[in-house]
Amino acid sequence: MYFTDRGIEELEKRRGEEEVTFEWLAEQLRAFVDLNPDFEVPVERLATWLARLDDEDDDE
């Protein structure tokens, strides 16, 4: 179990029943980076990974 699993589990427990849009998620990621600029690169990597999940070309 990774340390981040605790945060993911809390997110799922507290907000797992909610539905969100990617527009809302993008706004929250921007707000988080504004408050925590040291996390700009990991947030950018997560956003890029989410954006490209269905790209078949990235699987090669």
PDB file of N, CA and C in Angstrom:
ATOM      1  N   MET A   1       0.845  -1.185   0.000  1.00  0.00           N
ATOM      2  CA  MET A   1       0.000   0.000   0.000  1.00  0.00           C
ATOM      3  C   MET A   1       0.881   1.236   0.000  1.00  0.00           C
ATOM      4  N   TYR A   2       0.623   2.106  -0.937  1.00  0.00           N
ATOM      5  CA  TYR A   2       1.365   3.358  -1.014  1.00  0.00           C
ATOM      6  C   TYR A   2       0.784   4.362  -0.028  1.00  0.00           C
ATOM      7  N   PHE A   3       1.611   5.320   0.394  1.00  0.00           N
ATOM      8  CA  PHE A   3       1.153   6.369   1.293  1.00  0.00           C
ATOM      9  C   PHE A   3      -0.028   7.130   0.681  1.00  0.00           C
ATOM     10  N   THR A   4       0.016   7.338  -0.642  1.00  0.00           N
ATOM     11  CA  THR A   4      -1.056   8.082  -1.307  1.00  0.00           C
ATOM     12  C   THR A   4      -2.384   7.344  -1.268  1.00  0.00           C
ATOM     13  N   ASP A   5      -2.360   6.052  -1.039  1.00  0.00           N
ATOM     14  CA  ASP A   5      -3.608   5.293  -0.975  1.00  0.00           C
ATOM     15  C   ASP A   5      -4.530   5.832   0.114  1.00  0.00           C
ATOM     16  N   ARG A   6      -3.959   6.339   1.195  1.00  0.00           N
ATOM     17  CA  ARG A   6      -4.798   6.869   2.272  1.00  0.00           C
ATOM     18  C   ARG A   6      -5.604   8.070   1.789  1.00  0.00           C
ATOM     19  N   GLY A   7      -4.964   8.951   1.058  1.00  0.00           N
ATOM     20  CA  GLY A   7      -5.667  10.113   0.516  1.00  0.00           C
ATOM     21  C   GLY A   7      -6.711   9.714  -0.498  1.00  0.00           C
ATOM     22  N   ILE A   8      -6.370   8.749  -1.332  1.00  0.00           N
ATOM     23  CA  ILE A   8      -7.319   8.264  -2.342  1.00  0.00           C
ATOM     24  C   ILE A   8      -8.516   7.610  -1.653  1.00  0.00           C
ATOM     25  N   GLU A   9      -8.250   6.828  -0.612  1.00  0.00           N
ATOM     26  CA  GLU A   9      -9.338   6.188   0.121  1.00  0.00           C
ATOM     27  C   GLU A   9     -10.225   7.220   0.809  1.00  0.00           C
ATOM     28  N   GLU A  10      -9.621   8.273   1.364  1.00  0.00           N
ATOM     29  CA  GLU A  10     -10.414   9.331   1.988  1.00  0.00           C
ATOM     30  C   GLU A  10     -11.284  10.038   0.953  1.00  0.00           C
ATOM     31  N   LEU A  11     -10.694  10.327  -0.204  1.00  0.00           N
ATOM     32  CA  LEU A  11     -11.454  10.959  -1.285  1.00  0.00           C
ATOM     33  C   LEU A  11     -12.646  10.098  -1.681  1.00  0.00           C
ATOM     34  N   GLU A  12     -12.398   8.826  -1.850  1.00  0.00           N
ATOM     35  CA  GLU A  12     -13.471   7.911  -2.230  1.00  0.00           C
ATOM     36  C   GLU A  12     -14.554   7.831  -1.152  1.00  0.00           C
ATOM     37  N   LYS A  13     -14.133   7.786   0.102  1.00  0.00           N
ATOM     38  CA  LYS A  13     -15.090   7.692   1.208  1.00  0.00           C
ATOM     39  C   LYS A  13     -15.929   8.959   1.323  1.00  0.00           C
ATOM     40  N   ARG A  14     -15.285  10.114   1.241  1.00  0.00           N
ATOM     41  CA  ARG A  14     -15.991  11.377   1.457  1.00  0.00           C
ATOM     42  C   ARG A  14     -16.784  11.839   0.238  1.00  0.00           C
ATOM     43  N   ARG A  15     -16.284  11.562  -0.973  1.00  0.00           N
ATOM     44  CA  ARG A  15     -16.899  12.147  -2.165  1.00  0.00           C
ATOM     45  C   ARG A  15     -17.231  11.117  -3.236  1.00  0.00           C
ATOM     46  N   GLY A  16     -17.125   9.851  -2.887  1.00  0.00           N
ATOM     47  CA  GLY A  16     -17.303   8.789  -3.863  1.00  0.00           C
ATOM     48  C   GLY A  16     -18.660   8.723  -4.527  1.00  0.00           C
ATOM     49  N   GLU A  17     -19.665   9.261  -3.889  1.00  0.00           N
ATOM     50  CA  GLU A  17     -21.012   9.235  -4.451  1.00  0.00           C
ATOM     51  C   GLU A  17     -21.276  10.411  -5.396  1.00  0.00           C
ATOM     52  N   GLU A  18     -20.387  11.398  -5.387  1.00  0.00           N
ATOM     53  CA  GLU A  18     -20.584  12.596  -6.198  1.00  0.00           C
ATOM     54  C   GLU A  18     -20.193  12.354  -7.649  1.00  0.00           C
ATOM     55  N   GLU A  19     -20.789  13.135  -8.525  1.00  0.00           N
ATOM     56  CA  GLU A  19     -20.394  13.154  -9.928  1.00  0.00           C
ATOM     57  C   GLU A  19     -19.798  14.515 -10.220  1.00  0.00           C
ATOM     58  N   VAL A  20     -18.661  14.518 -10.923  1.00  0.00           N
ATOM     59  CA  VAL A  20     -17.990  15.772 -11.255  1.00  0.00           C
ATOM     60  C   VAL A  20     -17.680  15.791 -12.744  1.00  0.00           C
ATOM     61  N   THR A  21     -17.471  16.984 -13.258  1.00  0.00           N
ATOM     62  CA  THR A  21     -17.058  17.127 -14.651  1.00  0.00           C
ATOM     63  C   THR A  21     -15.543  17.307 -14.694  1.00  0.00           C
ATOM     64  N   PHE A  22     -14.983  17.084 -15.872  1.00  0.00           N
ATOM     65  CA  PHE A  22     -13.561  17.338 -16.013  1.00  0.00           C
ATOM     66  C   PHE A  22     -13.265  18.832 -15.945  1.00  0.00           C
ATOM     67  N   GLU A  23     -14.234  19.657 -16.299  1.00  0.00           N
ATOM     68  CA  GLU A  23     -14.079  21.100 -16.147  1.00  0.00           C
ATOM     69  C   GLU A  23     -13.893  21.452 -14.669  1.00  0.00           C
ATOM     70  N   TRP A  24     -14.729  20.879 -13.811  1.00  0.00           N
ATOM     71  CA  TRP A  24     -14.607  21.109 -12.373  1.00  0.00           C
ATOM     72  C   TRP A  24     -13.267  20.602 -11.866  1.00  0.00           C
ATOM     73  N   LEU A  25     -12.876  19.402 -12.287  1.00  0.00           N
ATOM     74  CA  LEU A  25     -11.603  18.830 -11.862  1.00  0.00           C
ATOM     75  C   LEU A  25     -10.437  19.717 -12.278  1.00  0.00           C
ATOM     76  N   ALA A  26     -10.465  20.219 -13.506  1.00  0.00           N
ATOM     77  CA  ALA A  26      -9.403  21.105 -13.988  1.00  0.00           C
ATOM     78  C   ALA A  26      -9.322  22.362 -13.131  1.00  0.00           C
ATOM     79  N   GLU A  27     -10.468  22.931 -12.766  1.00  0.00           N
ATOM     80  CA  GLU A  27     -10.481  24.115 -11.904  1.00  0.00           C
ATOM     81  C   GLU A  27      -9.850  23.815 -10.549  1.00  0.00           C
ATOM     82  N   GLN A  28     -10.165  22.653  -9.996  1.00  0.00           N
ATOM     83  CA  GLN A  28      -9.618  22.285  -8.693  1.00  0.00           C
ATOM     84  C   GLN A  28      -8.106  22.041  -8.777  1.00  0.00           C
ATOM     85  N   LEU A  29      -7.652  21.424  -9.861  1.00  0.00           N
ATOM     86  CA  LEU A  29      -6.220  21.205 -10.033  1.00  0.00           C
ATOM     87  C   LEU A  29      -5.479  22.532 -10.163  1.00  0.00           C
ATOM     88  N   ARG A  30      -6.052  23.471 -10.904  1.00  0.00           N
ATOM     89  CA  ARG A  30      -5.434  24.811 -11.025  1.00  0.00           C
ATOM     90  C   ARG A  30      -5.362  25.498  -9.671  1.00  0.00           C
ATOM     91  N   ALA A  31      -6.441  25.436  -8.911  1.00  0.00           N
ATOM     92  CA  ALA A  31      -6.474  26.055  -7.581  1.00  0.00           C
ATOM     93  C   ALA A  31      -5.429  25.409  -6.670  1.00  0.00           C
ATOM     94  N   PHE A  32      -5.309  24.093  -6.744  1.00  0.00           N
ATOM     95  CA  PHE A  32      -4.332  23.383  -5.915  1.00  0.00           C
ATOM     96  C   PHE A  32      -2.911  23.822  -6.264  1.00  0.00           C
ATOM     97  N   VAL A  33      -2.599  23.917  -7.550  1.00  0.00           N
ATOM     98  CA  VAL A  33      -1.258  24.329  -7.968  1.00  0.00           C
ATOM     99  C   VAL A  33      -0.999  25.786  -7.582  1.00  0.00           C
ATOM    100  N   ASP A  34      -2.016  26.631  -7.666  1.00  0.00           N
ATOM    101  CA  ASP A  34      -1.853  28.018  -7.230  1.00  0.00           C
ATOM    102  C   ASP A  34      -1.450  28.086  -5.756  1.00  0.00           C
ATOM    103  N   LEU A  35      -2.039  27.228  -4.947  1.00  0.00           N
ATOM    104  CA  LEU A  35      -1.739  27.194  -3.514  1.00  0.00           C
ATOM    105  C   LEU A  35      -0.477  26.402  -3.191  1.00  0.00           C
ATOM    106  N   ASN A  36      -0.105  25.471  -4.085  1.00  0.00           N
ATOM    107  CA  ASN A  36       1.026  24.567  -3.851  1.00  0.00           C
ATOM    108  C   ASN A  36       1.881  24.462  -5.106  1.00  0.00           C
ATOM    109  N   PRO A  37       2.606  25.519  -5.458  1.00  0.00           N
ATOM    110  CA  PRO A  37       3.350  25.521  -6.720  1.00  0.00           C
ATOM    111  C   PRO A  37       4.411  24.417  -6.825  1.00  0.00           C
ATOM    112  N   ASP A  38       4.859  23.885  -5.707  1.00  0.00           N
ATOM    113  CA  ASP A  38       5.840  22.793  -5.756  1.00  0.00           C
ATOM    114  C   ASP A  38       5.261  21.526  -6.383  1.00  0.00           C
ATOM    115  N   PHE A  39       3.947  21.439  -6.458  1.00  0.00           N
ATOM    116  CA  PHE A  39       3.291  20.257  -7.016  1.00  0.00           C
ATOM    117  C   PHE A  39       2.886  20.435  -8.476  1.00  0.00           C
ATOM    118  N   GLU A  40       3.384  21.484  -9.113  1.00  0.00           N
ATOM    119  CA  GLU A  40       3.009  21.762 -10.505  1.00  0.00           C
ATOM    120  C   GLU A  40       3.331  20.587 -11.422  1.00  0.00           C
ATOM    121  N   VAL A  41       4.526  20.021 -11.314  1.00  0.00           N
ATOM    122  CA  VAL A  41       4.923  18.932 -12.212  1.00  0.00           C
ATOM    123  C   VAL A  41       4.082  17.671 -11.973  1.00  0.00           C
ATOM    124  N   PRO A  42       3.919  17.196 -10.736  1.00  0.00           N
ATOM    125  CA  PRO A  42       3.072  16.012 -10.556  1.00  0.00           C
ATOM    126  C   PRO A  42       1.628  16.217 -11.013  1.00  0.00           C
ATOM    127  N   VAL A  43       1.068  17.399 -10.771  1.00  0.00           N
ATOM    128  CA  VAL A  43      -0.303  17.667 -11.202  1.00  0.00           C
ATOM    129  C   VAL A  43      -0.376  17.679 -12.722  1.00  0.00           C
ATOM    130  N   GLU A  44       0.623  18.279 -13.363  1.00  0.00           N
ATOM    131  CA  GLU A  44       0.662  18.297 -14.829  1.00  0.00           C
ATOM    132  C   GLU A  44       0.748  16.875 -15.377  1.00  0.00           C
ATOM    133  N   ARG A  45       1.556  16.035 -14.746  1.00  0.00           N
ATOM    134  CA  ARG A  45       1.682  14.637 -15.192  1.00  0.00           C
ATOM    135  C   ARG A  45       0.383  13.882 -15.009  1.00  0.00           C
ATOM    136  N   LEU A  46      -0.292  14.091 -13.888  1.00  0.00           N
ATOM    137  CA  LEU A  46      -1.577  13.432 -13.659  1.00  0.00           C
ATOM    138  C   LEU A  46      -2.600  13.891 -14.683  1.00  0.00           C
ATOM    139  N   ALA A  47      -2.674  15.198 -14.925  1.00  0.00           N
ATOM    140  CA  ALA A  47      -3.641  15.724 -15.884  1.00  0.00           C
ATOM    141  C   ALA A  47      -3.373  15.183 -17.286  1.00  0.00           C
ATOM    142  N   THR A  48      -2.109  15.138 -17.675  1.00  0.00           N
ATOM    143  CA  THR A  48      -1.755  14.604 -18.993  1.00  0.00           C
ATOM    144  C   THR A  48      -2.105  13.125 -19.084  1.00  0.00           C
ATOM    145  N   TRP A  49      -1.822  12.373 -18.043  1.00  0.00           N
ATOM    146  CA  TRP A  49      -2.138  10.943 -18.022  1.00  0.00           C
ATOM    147  C   TRP A  49      -3.649  10.733 -18.150  1.00  0.00           C
ATOM    148  N   LEU A  50      -4.431  11.508 -17.400  1.00  0.00           N
ATOM    149  CA  LEU A  50      -5.889  11.390 -17.496  1.00  0.00           C
ATOM    150  C   LEU A  50      -6.387  11.763 -18.886  1.00  0.00           C
ATOM    151  N   ALA A  51      -5.806  12.806 -19.455  1.00  0.00           N
ATOM    152  CA  ALA A  51      -6.238  13.267 -20.780  1.00  0.00           C
ATOM    153  C   ALA A  51      -5.965  12.228 -21.854  1.00  0.00           C
ATOM    154  N   ARG A  52      -4.929  11.440 -21.676  1.00  0.00           N
ATOM    155  CA  ARG A  52      -4.493  10.502 -22.724  1.00  0.00           C
ATOM    156  C   ARG A  52      -4.864   9.047 -22.452  1.00  0.00           C
ATOM    157  N   LEU A  53      -5.695   8.781 -21.487  1.00  0.00           N
ATOM    158  CA  LEU A  53      -6.036   7.403 -21.128  1.00  0.00           C
ATOM    159  C   LEU A  53      -6.509   6.561 -22.315  1.00  0.00           C
ATOM    160  N   ASP A  54      -7.255   7.145 -23.200  1.00  0.00           N
ATOM    161  CA  ASP A  54      -7.812   6.388 -24.321  1.00  0.00           C
ATOM    162  C   ASP A  54      -6.942   6.408 -25.579  1.00  0.00           C
ATOM    163  N   ASP A  55      -5.804   7.084 -25.526  1.00  0.00           N
ATOM    164  CA  ASP A  55      -4.916   7.150 -26.683  1.00  0.00           C
ATOM    165  C   ASP A  55      -4.223   5.816 -26.902  1.00  0.00           C
ATOM    166  N   GLU A  56      -4.519   5.168 -28.005  1.00  0.00           N
ATOM    167  CA  GLU A  56      -3.904   3.880 -28.312  1.00  0.00           C
ATOM    168  C   GLU A  56      -2.424   4.033 -28.635  1.00  0.00           C
ATOM    169  N   ASP A  57      -2.029   5.169 -29.211  1.00  0.00           N
ATOM    170  CA  ASP A  57      -0.645   5.383 -29.583  1.00  0.00           C
ATOM    171  C   ASP A  57       0.300   5.414 -28.386  1.00  0.00           C
ATOM    172  N   ASP A  58      -0.192   5.828 -27.206  1.00  0.00           N
ATOM    173  CA  ASP A  58       0.648   5.901 -26.022  1.00  0.00           C
ATOM    174  C   ASP A  58       0.964   4.537 -25.432  1.00  0.00           C
ATOM    175  N   ASP A  59       0.246   3.507 -25.848  1.00  0.00           N
ATOM    176  CA  ASP A  59       0.477   2.166 -25.316  1.00  0.00           C
ATOM    177  C   ASP A  59       1.705   1.495 -25.903  1.00  0.00           C
ATOM    178  N   GLU A  60       2.239   2.063 -26.962  1.00  0.00           N
ATOM    179  CA  GLU A  60       3.371   1.418 -27.640  1.00  0.00           C
ATOM    180  C   GLU A  60       4.663   1.646 -26.915  1.00  0.00           C
TER     181      GLU A  60
END
